[in-house]
Protein backbone atom coordinates (compact mmCIF):
# COMPACT_ATOMS: atom_id res chain seq x y z
CA MET A 1 79.90 -0.18 58.52
CA VAL A 2 76.26 0.96 59.12
CA THR A 3 76.59 0.33 63.21
CA ASP A 4 79.78 2.51 62.92
CA THR A 5 78.08 5.41 61.53
CA LEU A 6 75.14 5.01 63.72
CA GLN A 7 77.45 4.71 66.84
CA ASP A 8 79.35 7.94 65.83
CA PHE A 9 75.95 9.45 65.04
CA GLU A 10 74.53 8.94 68.60
CA ALA A 11 78.28 9.64 69.88
CA LEU A 12 77.52 12.92 68.23
CA GLN A 13 74.16 13.56 69.81
CA GLN A 14 74.93 12.83 73.22
CA SER A 15 78.29 15.37 73.09
CA GLY A 16 75.71 17.96 72.58
CA PHE A 17 75.46 18.16 68.50
CA SER A 18 71.76 18.86 67.24
CA GLU A 19 70.65 16.06 64.93
CA GLU A 20 71.02 18.06 61.94
CA GLN A 21 74.80 18.80 62.57
CA ALA A 22 75.22 15.03 63.38
CA ARG A 23 73.98 13.73 60.42
CA ALA A 24 75.50 16.00 58.39
CA LEU A 25 78.96 15.48 60.13
CA VAL A 26 78.46 11.80 59.99
CA GLN A 27 77.67 11.87 56.25
CA LEU A 28 80.80 13.68 55.42
CA LEU A 29 83.08 11.46 57.77
CA ALA A 30 81.51 8.34 56.64
CA ARG A 31 82.24 8.34 53.35
CA PRO A 32 82.34 4.64 52.33
CA GLY A 33 85.00 3.37 50.15
CA THR A 34 84.20 2.40 46.64
CA ASP A 35 84.75 -1.05 45.34
CA PRO A 36 86.82 -1.58 42.50
CA GLU A 37 84.31 -3.83 40.93
CA VAL A 38 81.87 -0.94 41.27
CA VAL A 39 84.31 1.64 39.80
CA HIS A 40 84.78 -0.68 37.13
CA ARG A 41 81.21 -1.39 36.32
CA LEU A 42 80.80 2.52 36.57
CA ASP A 43 83.86 2.98 34.28
CA GLY A 44 81.94 0.55 31.95
CA ILE A 45 78.52 2.32 31.94
CA GLU A 46 80.33 5.74 31.44
CA GLN A 47 82.15 4.19 28.30
CA ARG A 48 78.68 2.87 27.06
CA PHE A 49 76.95 6.37 27.33
CA ASP A 50 80.34 7.92 25.79
CA ARG A 51 79.51 5.47 22.31
CA ILE A 52 75.79 5.96 22.98
CA ASP A 53 76.76 9.78 23.13
CA GLN A 54 78.59 9.25 19.75
CA ARG A 55 76.50 7.16 17.72
CA LEU A 56 73.51 10.11 18.59
CA ASP A 57 75.79 13.01 17.30
CA GLY A 58 76.17 10.36 14.07
CA ILE A 59 72.21 9.96 13.78
CA GLU A 60 71.92 13.57 14.51
CA GLN A 61 74.18 14.35 11.62
CA MET A 62 72.49 12.12 9.35
CA LEU A 63 69.06 13.29 10.36
CA LYS A 64 70.27 17.03 9.49
CA GLN A 65 71.65 16.00 5.96
CA HIS A 66 68.43 13.88 5.76
CA SER A 67 66.86 17.33 6.60
CA ARG A 68 68.43 19.03 3.95
CA ILE A 69 68.03 16.27 1.59
CA LEU A 70 64.39 16.69 2.41
CA ALA A 71 63.88 19.90 1.88
CA GLN A 72 65.46 20.02 -1.71
CA HIS A 73 63.05 17.38 -2.51
CA SER A 74 60.42 19.39 -1.46
CA GLN A 75 61.78 22.32 -3.39
CA VAL A 76 62.07 20.11 -6.65
CA LEU A 77 58.38 18.89 -6.00
CA ALA A 78 56.95 22.43 -5.49
CA GLU A 79 58.38 23.22 -8.90
CA HIS A 80 56.92 19.99 -10.48
CA SER A 81 53.47 20.79 -8.85
CA GLN A 82 53.72 24.43 -10.66
CA MET A 83 54.45 22.88 -13.67
CA PHE A 84 51.49 20.52 -13.42
CA ALA A 85 49.34 23.41 -12.70
CA ALA A 86 50.41 25.20 -15.78
CA MET A 87 49.76 21.76 -17.77
CA ILE A 88 46.56 21.19 -16.43
CA PRO A 89 44.51 23.74 -18.14
CA LEU A 90 46.71 22.61 -21.62
CA VAL A 91 45.72 19.55 -21.40
CA GLU A 92 42.12 20.41 -20.28
CA ARG A 93 42.27 22.03 -23.91
CA ILE A 94 43.14 19.32 -26.01
CA PRO A 95 39.43 18.09 -26.69
CA ALA A 96 38.74 21.58 -27.99
CA LEU A 97 41.95 21.42 -29.75
CA GLU A 98 40.79 18.49 -31.79
CA GLN A 99 37.79 19.74 -32.49
CA GLU A 100 39.34 23.37 -33.94
CA VAL A 101 41.88 20.91 -35.82
CA SER A 102 38.88 19.00 -37.54
CA ASP A 103 37.13 22.31 -38.10
CA LEU A 104 40.40 23.44 -40.19
CA ARG A 105 40.92 20.42 -42.11
CA THR A 106 37.28 20.75 -43.58
CA ASP A 107 38.06 24.12 -44.04
CA VAL A 108 41.27 23.53 -45.92
CA LYS A 109 39.56 20.55 -47.97
CA ASP A 110 36.78 23.38 -49.05
CA LEU A 111 39.52 25.76 -49.80
CA ASP A 112 41.23 23.05 -51.93
CA ARG A 113 38.34 22.50 -53.93
CA THR A 114 37.53 26.23 -54.31
CA VAL A 115 41.12 26.35 -55.36
CA GLN A 116 40.65 23.71 -57.97
CA VAL A 117 37.29 25.55 -59.24
CA ILE A 118 39.46 29.11 -59.45
CA GLU A 119 42.22 26.90 -61.78
CA GLU A 120 39.91 25.13 -63.97
CA ARG A 121 38.18 28.60 -64.77
CA VAL A 122 41.95 30.19 -65.65
CA LYS A 123 42.45 27.28 -67.94
CA MET A 124 38.97 28.02 -69.43
CA GLU A 125 39.67 31.55 -69.14
CA GLY A 126 43.38 31.15 -71.10
CA ARG A 127 41.78 28.92 -73.63
CA VAL A 128 39.30 31.18 -74.44
CA THR A 129 41.30 34.20 -74.76
CA ARG A 130 43.87 32.20 -76.77
CA MET A 131 40.47 31.17 -79.03
CA ILE A 132 39.61 34.90 -79.06
CA ASN A 133 43.28 35.73 -80.26
CA SER A 134 43.05 33.38 -83.03
CA THR A 135 40.01 34.56 -83.99
CA ILE A 136 41.19 38.34 -83.96
CA ILE A 137 44.15 36.92 -85.66
CA ALA A 138 42.26 35.12 -88.20
CA VAL A 139 39.68 37.88 -88.72
CA ALA A 140 42.97 40.45 -89.20
CA ALA A 141 44.10 38.12 -91.65
CA ILE A 142 41.09 38.20 -93.56
CA GLY A 143 40.63 41.61 -93.09
CA ILE A 144 43.94 42.20 -94.59
CA GLY A 145 43.45 39.60 -97.64
CA LEU A 146 40.21 41.42 -98.56
CA LEU A 147 42.08 44.44 -98.33
CA ASN A 148 44.57 43.52 -100.56
CA PHE A 149 42.01 42.07 -102.84
CA LEU A 150 40.23 45.17 -102.78
CA THR A 151 43.29 47.65 -103.62
CA ARG A 152 44.45 44.91 -106.61
């Protein structure tokens, strides 16, 4: 077949066609017939490419879905990061709060002691008041008794 093409090329050149014209005509006219086995192999390759293309489309869809999921996770992580950032000053303040609570406990104990002292004073004042009232009543009774005695 190659020799036929070469002979056709040379014949065209001898008949007056330029080299480029002869080459173009030979290429147009000398299209070789395709072997059925080659066609079958090419069809198989095309089918494989189609399957690969479908798989790639599926992978692309999965990647888009994963990208959306990652974006959502990224947003959740950003929210958590903000929460942690807000919590850090509070956590750092815990030792100072522990000291303040300890100081408050001491203050409460002091107040309890003061309240106990005041309660004891109130009890004593109540006793003294009752004693004074009893004394006043006794003095009044003695006075009335004396007054009755003198008026008789």
